[in-house]
Every structure is written in C-alpha cells, then in structure tokens.
N, C-alpha and C. Protein backbone atom coordinates (compact mmCIF):
# COMPACT_ATOMS: atom_id res chain seq x y z
N MET A 1 -10.17 -112.18 36.37
CA MET A 1 -8.97 -112.29 36.60
C MET A 1 -9.12 -113.10 34.94
N GLY A 2 -8.13 -114.10 34.60
CA GLY A 2 -7.99 -114.69 33.40
C GLY A 2 -8.63 -115.79 33.24
N LYS A 3 -8.31 -116.20 31.57
CA LYS A 3 -8.63 -117.24 31.03
C LYS A 3 -8.24 -118.72 31.86
N GLN A 4 -8.85 -119.63 32.58
CA GLN A 4 -8.13 -121.02 32.40
C GLN A 4 -7.27 -121.32 31.16
N LYS A 5 -5.86 -121.91 31.50
CA LYS A 5 -5.55 -122.63 30.74
C LYS A 5 -5.95 -123.84 30.19
N THR A 6 -6.07 -124.28 29.60
CA THR A 6 -6.82 -126.00 29.14
C THR A 6 -5.55 -126.63 28.54
N LYS A 7 -5.58 -127.88 28.28
CA LYS A 7 -4.66 -128.92 27.79
C LYS A 7 -4.56 -128.45 26.17
N LYS A 8 -3.57 -128.43 25.77
CA LYS A 8 -3.69 -128.94 24.40
C LYS A 8 -3.30 -130.34 23.63
N PHE A 9 -4.15 -130.79 22.63
CA PHE A 9 -3.64 -131.88 22.54
C PHE A 9 -2.80 -132.30 21.26
N PRO A 10 -1.93 -133.02 20.98
CA PRO A 10 -1.29 -132.77 19.69
C PRO A 10 -2.23 -132.89 18.36
N VAL A 11 -2.08 -132.13 17.11
CA VAL A 11 -2.79 -132.17 16.13
C VAL A 11 -1.76 -133.36 14.78
N MET A 12 -2.48 -134.76 14.72
CA MET A 12 -1.90 -135.77 13.80
C MET A 12 -2.22 -135.75 12.80
N LYS A 13 -1.11 -135.79 11.01
CA LYS A 13 -2.45 -136.17 10.38
C LYS A 13 -2.78 -137.60 9.81
N ARG A 14 -3.74 -137.78 10.53
CA ARG A 14 -4.30 -139.37 10.34
C ARG A 14 -3.94 -139.98 8.83
N MET A 15 -3.77 -141.36 8.80
CA MET A 15 -3.39 -141.70 7.75
C MET A 15 -4.27 -143.23 7.77
N ILE A 16 -4.92 -143.68 6.57
CA ILE A 16 -5.32 -145.09 6.39
C ILE A 16 -4.55 -146.41 5.79
N SER A 17 -4.11 -147.42 7.36
CA SER A 17 -3.09 -148.33 6.76
C SER A 17 -3.16 -148.67 5.25
N LEU A 18 -2.12 -149.87 5.18
CA LEU A 18 -2.56 -150.87 3.69
C LEU A 18 -3.59 -151.80 3.98
N LYS A 19 -3.83 -152.11 4.88
CA LYS A 19 -4.64 -153.30 5.04
C LYS A 19 -6.18 -152.97 5.86
N ASP A 20 -6.49 -151.75 5.77
CA ASP A 20 -7.85 -150.83 5.90
C ASP A 20 -8.52 -150.92 4.80
N GLN A 21 -10.27 -151.83 5.47
CA GLN A 21 -11.15 -152.02 4.54
C GLN A 21 -11.48 -151.10 3.16
N ARG A 22 -10.79 -149.88 3.95
CA ARG A 22 -11.24 -149.11 2.18
C ARG A 22 -10.17 -149.19 1.15
N ILE A 23 -9.62 -149.70 0.96
CA ILE A 23 -8.34 -148.93 -0.19
C ILE A 23 -9.13 -151.25 -0.59
N LYS A 24 -8.95 -151.12 -1.90
CA LYS A 24 -9.60 -152.27 -2.00
C LYS A 24 -8.75 -153.24 -2.95
N VAL A 25 -9.12 -154.38 -3.00
CA VAL A 25 -7.36 -155.32 -3.14
C VAL A 25 -6.85 -155.13 -4.42
N LYS A 26 -7.83 -154.11 -5.54
CA LYS A 26 -6.94 -154.64 -6.89
C LYS A 26 -5.51 -153.35 -6.32
N ASP A 27 -5.90 -152.42 -6.06
CA ASP A 27 -4.77 -151.16 -5.35
C ASP A 27 -3.74 -152.05 -4.98
N ARG A 28 -3.60 -153.17 -4.12
CA ARG A 28 -3.01 -154.02 -3.03
C ARG A 28 -1.63 -154.21 -3.76
N ALA A 29 -2.36 -155.53 -4.86
CA ALA A 29 -2.30 -156.37 -5.95
C ALA A 29 -1.04 -155.28 -7.03
N LYS A 30 -1.58 -154.40 -7.38
CA LYS A 30 -0.57 -153.66 -8.55
C LYS A 30 0.64 -153.47 -7.70
N GLU A 31 0.39 -153.28 -6.43
CA GLU A 31 2.11 -152.76 -5.79
C GLU A 31 2.78 -153.64 -6.03
N LYS A 32 2.31 -154.61 -5.50
CA LYS A 32 3.37 -155.93 -4.86
C LYS A 32 3.94 -156.36 -6.50
N GLU A 33 2.92 -156.55 -7.12
CA GLU A 33 3.63 -156.81 -8.65
C GLU A 33 5.03 -155.70 -9.31
N ILE A 34 4.35 -154.69 -9.00
CA ILE A 34 5.58 -153.68 -9.15
C ILE A 34 7.01 -154.23 -8.53
N LYS A 35 7.12 -154.34 -7.22
CA LYS A 35 8.41 -154.42 -6.63
C LYS A 35 8.85 -156.28 -7.17
N LYS A 36 7.67 -157.51 -7.43
CA LYS A 36 8.49 -158.26 -8.08
C LYS A 36 8.97 -158.67 -9.41
N LYS A 37 10.62 -158.69 -9.53
CA LYS A 37 10.78 -158.68 -10.86
C LYS A 37 11.32 -159.91 -11.27
N ASP A 38 11.70 -160.52 -12.39
CA ASP A 38 11.72 -161.77 -12.94
C ASP A 38 14.08 -161.20 -12.41
N PRO A 39 14.26 -162.22 -11.96
CA PRO A 39 16.02 -162.01 -11.59
C PRO A 39 16.55 -162.37 -13.05
N SER A 40 16.20 -163.57 -13.85
CA SER A 40 16.58 -164.46 -15.14
C SER A 40 16.61 -163.45 -15.61
N GLN A 41 15.35 -162.39 -16.15
CA GLN A 41 15.69 -161.32 -17.34
C GLN A 41 17.06 -160.50 -17.62
N ILE A 42 17.27 -160.52 -19.13
CA ILE A 42 18.83 -160.04 -19.08
C ILE A 42 18.35 -158.61 -18.85
N LYS A 43 19.06 -157.34 -18.94
CA LYS A 43 18.52 -156.16 -18.36
C LYS A 43 19.96 -155.60 -19.66
N GLU A 44 19.06 -154.82 -20.08
CA GLU A 44 19.35 -154.11 -21.03
C GLU A 44 19.62 -152.15 -21.19
N ARG A 45 20.86 -152.33 -21.25
CA ARG A 45 20.80 -150.67 -21.54
C ARG A 45 21.66 -150.62 -22.46
N GLU A 46 21.31 -148.98 -22.68
CA GLU A 46 22.26 -148.49 -24.07
C GLU A 46 23.77 -147.58 -23.46
N VAL A 47 24.58 -147.74 -24.28
CA VAL A 47 26.48 -147.45 -23.79
C VAL A 47 26.88 -146.82 -25.20
N PRO A 48 26.55 -145.14 -24.80
CA PRO A 48 26.97 -144.65 -25.68
C PRO A 48 28.85 -144.41 -26.53
N LYS A 49 28.97 -144.56 -27.85
CA LYS A 49 29.70 -145.01 -28.90
C LYS A 49 30.82 -143.83 -28.43
N GLN A 50 31.94 -144.10 -28.29
CA GLN A 50 33.19 -143.74 -27.72
C GLN A 50 34.00 -143.41 -29.80
N PRO A 51 34.68 -142.38 -29.86
CA PRO A 51 35.77 -142.03 -31.18
C PRO A 51 36.95 -143.06 -30.16
N SER A 52 37.55 -143.57 -32.07
CA SER A 52 38.12 -144.70 -31.97
C SER A 52 39.45 -144.33 -30.99
N CYS A 53 40.09 -142.79 -30.98
CA CYS A 53 41.17 -142.90 -30.07
C CYS A 53 41.09 -143.13 -28.60
N LEU A 54 40.02 -142.94 -27.89
CA LEU A 54 40.14 -143.65 -26.92
C LEU A 54 39.76 -144.82 -26.41
N PHE A 55 39.93 -145.70 -27.42
CA PHE A 55 39.81 -147.40 -27.55
C PHE A 55 40.73 -147.56 -25.82
N PHE A 56 39.82 -148.47 -25.36
CA PHE A 56 40.00 -149.10 -23.84
C PHE A 56 40.47 -147.90 -22.94
N GLN A 57 39.36 -147.07 -22.70
CA GLN A 57 39.13 -146.21 -21.87
C GLN A 57 40.48 -145.18 -21.93
N TYR A 58 41.14 -144.63 -22.55
CA TYR A 58 42.39 -144.15 -22.97
C TYR A 58 42.50 -143.26 -23.93
N ASN A 59 43.50 -142.67 -24.20
CA ASN A 59 44.11 -141.66 -25.18
C ASN A 59 44.49 -142.65 -25.90
N THR A 60 45.17 -143.74 -27.33
CA THR A 60 46.01 -143.55 -27.63
C THR A 60 46.87 -142.46 -28.34
N GLN A 61 46.44 -141.81 -28.40
CA GLN A 61 47.81 -140.80 -28.70
C GLN A 61 48.86 -140.47 -28.39
N LEU A 62 48.36 -140.61 -26.85
CA LEU A 62 49.48 -139.88 -26.22
C LEU A 62 50.40 -141.37 -25.81
N GLY A 63 51.60 -141.21 -25.85
CA GLY A 63 52.29 -141.91 -25.27
C GLY A 63 53.91 -140.98 -25.11
N PRO A 64 54.78 -141.68 -25.36
CA PRO A 64 56.20 -141.20 -24.75
C PRO A 64 57.32 -141.17 -26.44
N PRO A 65 57.76 -140.13 -26.32
CA PRO A 65 57.69 -138.56 -25.53
C PRO A 65 56.57 -137.98 -25.66
N TYR A 66 56.42 -137.14 -23.80
CA TYR A 66 54.58 -136.94 -23.87
C TYR A 66 54.85 -135.64 -24.19
N HIS A 67 53.54 -134.90 -24.77
CA HIS A 67 53.43 -133.54 -25.34
C HIS A 67 53.38 -132.93 -23.97
N ILE A 68 53.25 -131.75 -23.14
CA ILE A 68 52.66 -131.43 -21.81
C ILE A 68 52.45 -129.90 -22.44
N LEU A 69 51.45 -128.94 -22.42
CA LEU A 69 50.89 -127.74 -22.55
C LEU A 69 50.58 -127.21 -20.69
N VAL A 70 51.95 -126.56 -20.91
CA VAL A 70 52.37 -125.73 -19.66
C VAL A 70 51.23 -124.59 -19.35
N ASP A 71 50.51 -124.24 -18.06
CA ASP A 71 50.07 -122.73 -18.15
C ASP A 71 50.86 -122.56 -17.51
N THR A 72 50.34 -121.05 -17.06
CA THR A 72 51.27 -119.83 -16.00
C THR A 72 50.98 -120.17 -14.61
N ASN A 73 49.68 -120.76 -14.90
CA ASN A 73 49.62 -120.44 -12.98
C ASN A 73 50.68 -122.24 -12.24
N PHE A 74 50.34 -123.31 -13.06
CA PHE A 74 51.64 -124.39 -12.92
C PHE A 74 52.94 -124.10 -13.09
N ILE A 75 53.23 -123.28 -13.67
CA ILE A 75 54.92 -122.40 -13.70
C ILE A 75 54.97 -122.06 -11.78
N ASN A 76 54.04 -121.10 -11.54
CA ASN A 76 54.41 -120.59 -10.15
C ASN A 76 54.10 -121.17 -9.30
N PHE A 77 53.11 -122.70 -9.57
CA PHE A 77 53.09 -123.36 -8.33
C PHE A 77 54.30 -123.94 -8.68
N SER A 78 54.89 -124.25 -9.68
CA SER A 78 56.26 -125.07 -9.49
C SER A 78 57.08 -124.91 -8.57
N ILE A 79 57.21 -123.43 -8.57
CA ILE A 79 58.71 -122.33 -8.75
C ILE A 79 58.39 -122.40 -6.63
N LYS A 80 56.89 -122.30 -6.46
CA LYS A 80 56.50 -121.80 -4.57
C LYS A 80 56.92 -123.49 -3.93
N ALA A 81 56.36 -124.04 -5.09
CA ALA A 81 56.92 -125.66 -4.38
C ALA A 81 58.26 -126.12 -4.91
N LYS A 82 59.05 -125.37 -5.59
CA LYS A 82 60.37 -125.66 -5.47
C LYS A 82 60.23 -127.23 -6.74
N LEU A 83 60.11 -127.13 -6.78
CA LEU A 83 60.31 -128.11 -8.20
C LEU A 83 60.38 -128.28 -9.73
N ASP A 84 61.64 -128.96 -10.08
CA ASP A 84 62.67 -128.27 -11.73
C ASP A 84 61.06 -128.98 -12.64
N ILE A 85 60.56 -128.50 -12.95
CA ILE A 85 58.98 -128.57 -14.00
C ILE A 85 59.62 -129.64 -15.11
N VAL A 86 61.01 -129.64 -15.33
CA VAL A 86 61.33 -131.14 -16.41
C VAL A 86 61.52 -132.78 -15.96
N GLN A 87 61.73 -132.41 -14.82
CA GLN A 87 62.75 -133.60 -13.73
C GLN A 87 61.56 -134.27 -13.40
N SER A 88 60.67 -133.21 -12.94
CA SER A 88 58.91 -133.67 -11.89
C SER A 88 58.16 -134.36 -12.33
N MET A 89 58.20 -133.70 -14.46
CA MET A 89 57.30 -134.19 -14.96
C MET A 89 58.00 -135.77 -15.72
N MET A 90 58.53 -135.82 -15.57
CA MET A 90 59.73 -137.04 -16.14
C MET A 90 59.47 -138.34 -14.79
N ASP A 91 59.70 -137.52 -13.48
CA ASP A 91 58.92 -138.91 -12.35
C ASP A 91 57.79 -139.15 -12.33
N CYS A 92 56.42 -138.20 -13.24
CA CYS A 92 55.56 -138.28 -12.68
C CYS A 92 55.19 -139.65 -13.78
N LEU A 93 55.59 -138.86 -15.18
CA LEU A 93 55.04 -140.11 -15.85
C LEU A 93 56.47 -141.27 -16.51
N TYR A 94 57.39 -140.94 -15.92
CA TYR A 94 58.09 -142.28 -16.08
C TYR A 94 58.94 -142.55 -17.40
N ALA A 95 58.87 -141.28 -17.94
CA ALA A 95 59.30 -140.96 -19.34
C ALA A 95 59.85 -140.10 -19.82
N LYS A 96 60.07 -139.85 -20.78
CA LYS A 96 60.40 -138.33 -21.42
C LYS A 96 59.28 -137.32 -21.82
N CYS A 97 59.25 -136.36 -20.94
CA CYS A 97 58.28 -135.08 -21.36
C CYS A 97 59.03 -134.01 -22.52
N ILE A 98 58.35 -133.88 -22.98
CA ILE A 98 58.26 -131.79 -24.04
C ILE A 98 57.53 -131.27 -23.68
N PRO A 99 58.07 -130.46 -22.23
CA PRO A 99 56.89 -129.27 -21.89
C PRO A 99 56.96 -128.11 -23.21
N TYR A 100 55.55 -127.98 -23.02
CA TYR A 100 55.47 -126.69 -24.79
C TYR A 100 54.43 -124.81 -23.59
N ILE A 101 54.94 -124.59 -24.47
CA ILE A 101 54.70 -123.14 -23.81
C ILE A 101 53.68 -122.66 -25.18
N THR A 102 52.73 -121.68 -25.08
CA THR A 102 51.92 -121.13 -25.62
C THR A 102 52.22 -119.01 -25.36
N ASP A 103 52.45 -118.43 -26.75
CA ASP A 103 52.84 -117.13 -26.72
C ASP A 103 52.25 -116.71 -25.89
N CYS A 104 50.45 -117.41 -25.89
CA CYS A 104 49.66 -116.26 -24.62
C CYS A 104 50.32 -116.50 -23.11
N VAL A 105 50.42 -117.70 -22.92
CA VAL A 105 51.22 -117.67 -21.57
C VAL A 105 52.51 -116.85 -21.57
N MET A 106 53.44 -116.77 -22.53
CA MET A 106 54.60 -116.70 -22.63
C MET A 106 53.91 -114.77 -22.60
N ALA A 107 53.33 -114.63 -23.05
CA ALA A 107 53.14 -112.63 -22.99
C ALA A 107 52.65 -112.20 -21.29
N GLU A 108 52.03 -113.94 -21.01
CA GLU A 108 51.26 -113.33 -19.48
C GLU A 108 52.61 -113.11 -18.68
N ILE A 109 53.27 -114.62 -18.37
CA ILE A 109 54.70 -113.96 -18.19
C ILE A 109 54.91 -112.96 -17.80
N GLU A 110 55.74 -112.21 -19.36
CA GLU A 110 56.74 -111.08 -18.80
C GLU A 110 55.71 -109.72 -18.85
N LYS A 111 53.61 -110.29 -19.20
CA LYS A 111 53.14 -108.99 -18.32
C LYS A 111 53.00 -108.68 -16.88
N LEU A 112 53.38 -109.67 -15.65
CA LEU A 112 53.51 -110.35 -14.92
C LEU A 112 54.66 -109.29 -13.94
N GLY A 113 55.43 -109.20 -15.10
CA GLY A 113 56.44 -107.94 -14.28
C GLY A 113 57.97 -108.94 -13.89
N MET A 114 58.49 -107.96 -13.35
CA MET A 114 59.63 -108.70 -12.55
C MET A 114 59.62 -109.74 -11.31
N LYS A 115 58.07 -109.21 -10.49
CA LYS A 115 58.05 -109.95 -9.71
C LYS A 115 57.93 -111.89 -9.72
N TYR A 116 57.66 -111.80 -11.20
CA TYR A 116 57.78 -113.53 -11.77
C TYR A 116 59.32 -113.38 -12.50
N ARG A 117 60.05 -112.62 -12.66
CA ARG A 117 60.86 -113.12 -13.43
C ARG A 117 61.47 -113.91 -13.65
N VAL A 118 62.24 -114.73 -11.98
CA VAL A 118 61.89 -116.52 -11.88
C VAL A 118 61.01 -117.59 -12.74
N ALA A 119 60.15 -117.06 -13.07
CA ALA A 119 59.08 -118.03 -13.53
C ALA A 119 59.29 -117.14 -15.62
N PHE A 120 59.86 -116.34 -16.05
CA PHE A 120 59.74 -115.88 -17.14
C PHE A 120 61.25 -116.82 -17.45
N ARG A 121 62.68 -116.31 -16.56
CA ARG A 121 63.62 -117.26 -16.93
C ARG A 121 63.60 -119.03 -17.25
N ILE A 122 62.97 -119.13 -16.88
CA ILE A 122 62.73 -121.06 -16.47
C ILE A 122 62.08 -121.01 -17.89
N VAL A 123 60.75 -120.31 -18.33
CA VAL A 123 60.48 -120.36 -19.97
C VAL A 123 60.97 -120.45 -20.48
N LYS A 124 62.32 -119.58 -20.44
CA LYS A 124 62.94 -119.13 -21.82
C LYS A 124 63.78 -121.07 -21.85
N ASP A 125 63.96 -121.57 -21.11
CA ASP A 125 65.00 -122.40 -21.04
C ASP A 125 64.74 -122.86 -22.54
N PRO A 126 65.87 -124.11 -23.01
CA PRO A 126 65.85 -124.11 -24.18
C PRO A 126 64.82 -126.01 -24.22
N ARG A 127 64.73 -126.83 -23.09
CA ARG A 127 63.77 -127.69 -23.09
C ARG A 127 62.20 -127.72 -23.09
N PHE A 128 62.10 -126.21 -23.15
CA PHE A 128 60.40 -125.73 -23.43
C PHE A 128 61.30 -125.49 -24.73
N GLU A 129 59.44 -126.28 -25.52
CA GLU A 129 58.94 -125.82 -27.05
C GLU A 129 57.88 -124.70 -26.93
N ARG A 130 57.79 -123.83 -27.70
CA ARG A 130 57.34 -122.80 -27.79
C ARG A 130 56.18 -122.99 -29.24
N LEU A 131 54.58 -122.98 -28.60
CA LEU A 131 53.65 -123.36 -30.05
C LEU A 131 53.07 -121.68 -30.22
N PRO A 132 52.43 -121.92 -31.29
CA PRO A 132 51.91 -120.47 -31.53
C PRO A 132 49.54 -120.87 -31.51
N CYS A 133 49.60 -119.35 -31.07
CA CYS A 133 48.30 -119.53 -30.59
C CYS A 133 47.41 -119.29 -31.26
N THR A 134 46.37 -119.93 -31.89
CA THR A 134 45.45 -120.04 -32.79
C THR A 134 43.85 -119.13 -32.61
N HIS A 135 44.03 -119.87 -31.56
CA HIS A 135 42.34 -119.46 -30.26
C HIS A 135 41.42 -120.60 -31.39
N LYS A 136 41.47 -121.45 -31.82
CA LYS A 136 40.15 -121.69 -32.49
C LYS A 136 39.47 -122.50 -31.75
N GLY A 137 39.87 -123.12 -30.50
CA GLY A 137 38.82 -123.74 -29.66
C GLY A 137 39.15 -125.55 -30.22
N ILE A 138 39.79 -125.68 -30.89
CA ILE A 138 39.98 -126.89 -31.12
C ILE A 138 40.87 -127.54 -30.60
N TYR A 139 41.21 -128.59 -29.25
CA TYR A 139 42.16 -128.77 -28.92
C TYR A 139 42.85 -130.38 -29.12
N GLN A 140 43.93 -130.63 -29.22
CA GLN A 140 44.80 -131.69 -29.66
C GLN A 140 44.50 -132.84 -28.76
N LYS A 141 44.65 -133.90 -28.98
CA LYS A 141 44.32 -135.30 -28.01
C LYS A 141 45.60 -135.46 -27.79
N CYS A 142 46.89 -135.30 -28.61
CA CYS A 142 47.70 -135.57 -28.20
C CYS A 142 48.60 -134.47 -27.28
N TYR A 143 48.12 -133.97 -26.30
CA TYR A 143 48.96 -133.26 -25.23
C TYR A 143 48.53 -133.65 -23.72
N ILE A 144 48.84 -133.78 -23.10
CA ILE A 144 48.46 -133.28 -21.58
C ILE A 144 48.20 -131.92 -20.88
N LEU A 145 48.05 -131.59 -20.45
CA LEU A 145 47.72 -130.08 -19.91
C LEU A 145 48.00 -130.28 -18.63
N ALA A 146 49.01 -128.83 -18.48
CA ALA A 146 49.54 -128.86 -16.60
C ALA A 146 49.00 -127.57 -16.24
N THR A 147 48.34 -127.68 -15.53
CA THR A 147 47.54 -126.22 -15.02
C THR A 147 46.88 -126.56 -13.28
N VAL A 148 46.52 -125.88 -12.55
CA VAL A 148 46.16 -125.60 -11.61
C VAL A 148 45.04 -124.79 -11.28
N ASP A 149 44.58 -124.66 -12.12
CA ASP A 149 43.59 -123.59 -12.38
C ASP A 149 42.25 -123.76 -12.49
N ARG A 150 41.33 -124.26 -11.81
CA ARG A 150 39.93 -124.95 -11.26
C ARG A 150 39.04 -124.58 -12.12
N ASP A 151 38.99 -123.90 -13.55
CA ASP A 151 38.04 -123.06 -13.89
C ASP A 151 37.83 -123.91 -15.51
N LEU A 152 39.63 -123.61 -15.73
CA LEU A 152 40.37 -124.27 -16.63
C LEU A 152 40.02 -125.52 -16.76
N LYS A 153 40.60 -126.16 -15.72
CA LYS A 153 40.41 -127.88 -15.67
C LYS A 153 39.10 -128.35 -15.67
N ARG A 154 37.78 -127.53 -15.10
CA ARG A 154 36.52 -127.71 -15.19
C ARG A 154 36.53 -128.26 -17.09
N ARG A 155 36.53 -127.31 -17.95
CA ARG A 155 36.82 -126.63 -19.13
C ARG A 155 36.56 -128.18 -19.74
N VAL A 156 38.40 -127.84 -19.44
CA VAL A 156 38.46 -129.26 -20.36
C VAL A 156 38.61 -130.61 -20.16
N ARG A 157 38.23 -130.78 -18.71
CA ARG A 157 37.15 -132.44 -18.86
C ARG A 157 36.02 -132.83 -19.33
N LYS A 158 35.77 -132.08 -19.85
CA LYS A 158 34.51 -132.01 -20.91
C LYS A 158 35.32 -132.49 -21.81
N ILE A 159 36.13 -132.12 -22.51
CA ILE A 159 36.79 -132.66 -23.85
C ILE A 159 37.48 -133.87 -23.18
N PRO A 160 37.11 -135.33 -24.01
CA PRO A 160 37.21 -136.49 -24.09
C PRO A 160 38.04 -136.96 -24.25
N GLY A 161 39.45 -137.42 -22.88
CA GLY A 161 40.51 -138.16 -23.90
C GLY A 161 41.84 -136.74 -23.22
N VAL A 162 41.44 -135.84 -22.89
CA VAL A 162 43.09 -135.05 -22.31
C VAL A 162 43.19 -134.88 -20.98
N PRO A 163 44.62 -135.57 -21.00
CA PRO A 163 44.79 -135.53 -19.06
C PRO A 163 44.71 -134.53 -19.04
N ILE A 164 45.25 -134.23 -17.65
CA ILE A 164 44.90 -132.89 -16.62
C ILE A 164 46.41 -133.09 -15.77
N MET A 165 47.63 -132.10 -15.78
CA MET A 165 48.56 -133.05 -14.92
C MET A 165 47.97 -131.74 -13.61
N TYR A 166 48.66 -132.03 -12.84
CA TYR A 166 48.21 -130.93 -11.52
C TYR A 166 49.49 -131.39 -10.11
N ILE A 167 48.90 -130.34 -9.18
CA ILE A 167 50.34 -130.20 -8.14
C ILE A 167 49.58 -130.68 -6.92
N SER A 168 49.93 -131.94 -6.17
CA SER A 168 49.41 -131.43 -4.98
C SER A 168 50.51 -132.81 -3.83
N ASN A 169 50.84 -131.63 -2.78
CA ASN A 169 51.63 -132.53 -1.86
C ASN A 169 53.23 -132.83 -2.20
N HIS A 170 53.45 -131.32 -2.77
CA HIS A 170 55.23 -131.06 -3.54
C HIS A 170 55.42 -131.95 -4.57
N ARG A 171 54.39 -132.73 -5.74
CA ARG A 171 54.53 -133.23 -6.59
C ARG A 171 53.15 -133.43 -7.84
N TYR A 172 53.55 -133.64 -9.08
CA TYR A 172 52.79 -133.54 -10.00
C TYR A 172 51.66 -134.85 -10.33
N ASN A 173 50.44 -134.67 -10.19
CA ASN A 173 49.96 -136.08 -10.57
C ASN A 173 49.38 -135.86 -11.68
N ILE A 174 48.52 -136.78 -12.20
CA ILE A 174 48.13 -137.26 -13.08
C ILE A 174 46.56 -137.65 -12.85
N GLU A 175 45.48 -136.54 -13.61
CA GLU A 175 44.27 -137.32 -13.42
C GLU A 175 43.42 -138.00 -14.02
N ARG A 176 42.44 -139.15 -13.02
CA ARG A 176 41.96 -139.69 -13.72
C ARG A 176 40.75 -139.64 -14.69
N MET A 177 40.59 -140.31 -15.85
CA MET A 177 39.29 -140.32 -16.41
C MET A 177 38.35 -141.37 -15.93
N HIS A 178 37.21 -140.24 -15.42
CA HIS A 178 36.00 -141.22 -14.99
C HIS A 178 35.37 -141.74 -16.60
N ARG A 179 34.70 -142.95 -15.66
CA ARG A 179 33.85 -144.39 -16.49
C ARG A 179 32.71 -143.75 -17.12
N GLY A 180 31.87 -142.92 -16.20
CA GLY A 180 30.35 -142.39 -16.93
C GLY A 180 30.38 -141.30 -17.41
N PHE A 181 31.77 -141.31 -18.45
CA PHE A 181 31.62 -140.00 -20.02
C PHE A 181 30.78 -140.07 -20.79
N ASN A 182 30.00 -139.13 -20.90
CA ASN A 182 29.21 -138.97 -22.14
C ASN A 182 29.60 -138.39 -23.80
N ILE A 183 29.26 -139.46 -24.85
CA ILE A 183 30.85 -139.00 -25.60
C ILE A 183 29.79 -138.61 -26.61
N SER A 184 29.31 -137.44 -27.60
CA SER A 184 28.89 -137.89 -28.63
C SER A 184 29.57 -137.75 -30.11
N VAL A 185 29.50 -139.12 -30.49
CA VAL A 185 30.88 -139.20 -31.33
C VAL A 185 30.10 -138.97 -32.97
N THR A 186 30.90 -138.42 -33.77
CA THR A 186 30.58 -137.49 -35.22
C THR A 186 31.00 -138.93 -36.34
N LYS A 187 30.65 -139.01 -37.71
CA LYS A 187 31.55 -140.11 -38.44
C LYS A 187 33.12 -139.81 -38.70
N THR A 188 33.59 -137.91 -38.15
CA THR A 188 34.91 -138.19 -38.73
C THR A 188 35.92 -139.06 -38.04
N ASP A 189 35.05 -139.19 -36.50
CA ASP A 189 35.71 -138.93 -35.43
C ASP A 189 36.20 -140.92 -35.29
N LEU A 190 35.66 -141.57 -36.08
CA LEU A 190 35.40 -143.03 -36.45
C LEU A 190 36.33 -143.23 -37.25
C-alpha cells in the first residue's frame, strides 16, 4: 500500500513584537524620538538659481509678434487636421505670429516628393520666413517650437524657457512649463 497523507501546517515567519521583553527600552525610545518633530521649526531648503530671462516662471524674451519654428511633422499633421497654420497659431496665442522654416525642414519636405506637395506649397507661402541652419546646438530663447515629434519634444524640454506648440483635438496648444525644473546657471546668463 502507499503512505498515509499527513496534515501539513503552514510555515510562518515569526517576528518579535515591539512590546517584547527582549527588545531594550533604549531602542524603543529612539524610534519615538525620530517620529516627533518640532512643528515650529523653520524648514530650510535650497532652491536652484534661474536665469534672468526666466523671471516669474516664464521667458521674458517671448512677446508679440511670436516667432515660431515649425517642424515638418507639424506641417503634415496640420494638413491632416485641416488647419490653416498661421490663422490657427494666431487663435492659439491671441497675437500676431511669424512662422519660421529652417533650410533643413525645407529640404526634408522637398525629399518627401509629390506625396507632400501640399506641404511644400504651404511652406512657400510668403507669410513663412526662412532661417539658415547652423546646427551648433545653441537654441535661441525667443522662439516657440511647433512640433508633434515625441523625441524632439523630449530633447527640447531639457532646455529651460522654450515653449512647445503641439496639435491636439484639431487645434494648436502650448505646453506649460513645469515648476520642478533644475536649471544650472552660469555668469553669462545672469
């Protein structure tokens, strides 16, 4: 025949309670002291310095007429959403807007070919200003960046004071600057 089954008992981890005699009184007193804090004590914290152009949590170099750098994807998504680019920018910012196209964006639209000829025709509009590309990585703080590219947005968010315009629900919106931004300041910024 076989083995008779026996009843199994659950295995539990045994822990000592705080009121156990084996715990010293001194150890319990330390835990209570840590929990108690003086509410009248002033809390000190270190706040990072911000450049003078970000006074009052926004970029003071921005003002009407707004200068907006437009990306290739932004133009294509505006066409899909049936939005007039300049008029929709004015509706978003309630002021005159000057869209800027860099040489690289223009070349990218030309490379896309006949499929994006509407975008190419929109970019040739005299209301759009052309900018030469330098690719030094130095970003001006007087431009608003209009893009729907997630990677580009992520990179630009690291640059303080540069607002981002994007498309949602068939209209243009501006991203708010979040307050918890750590900014390193040099003497040239101040």
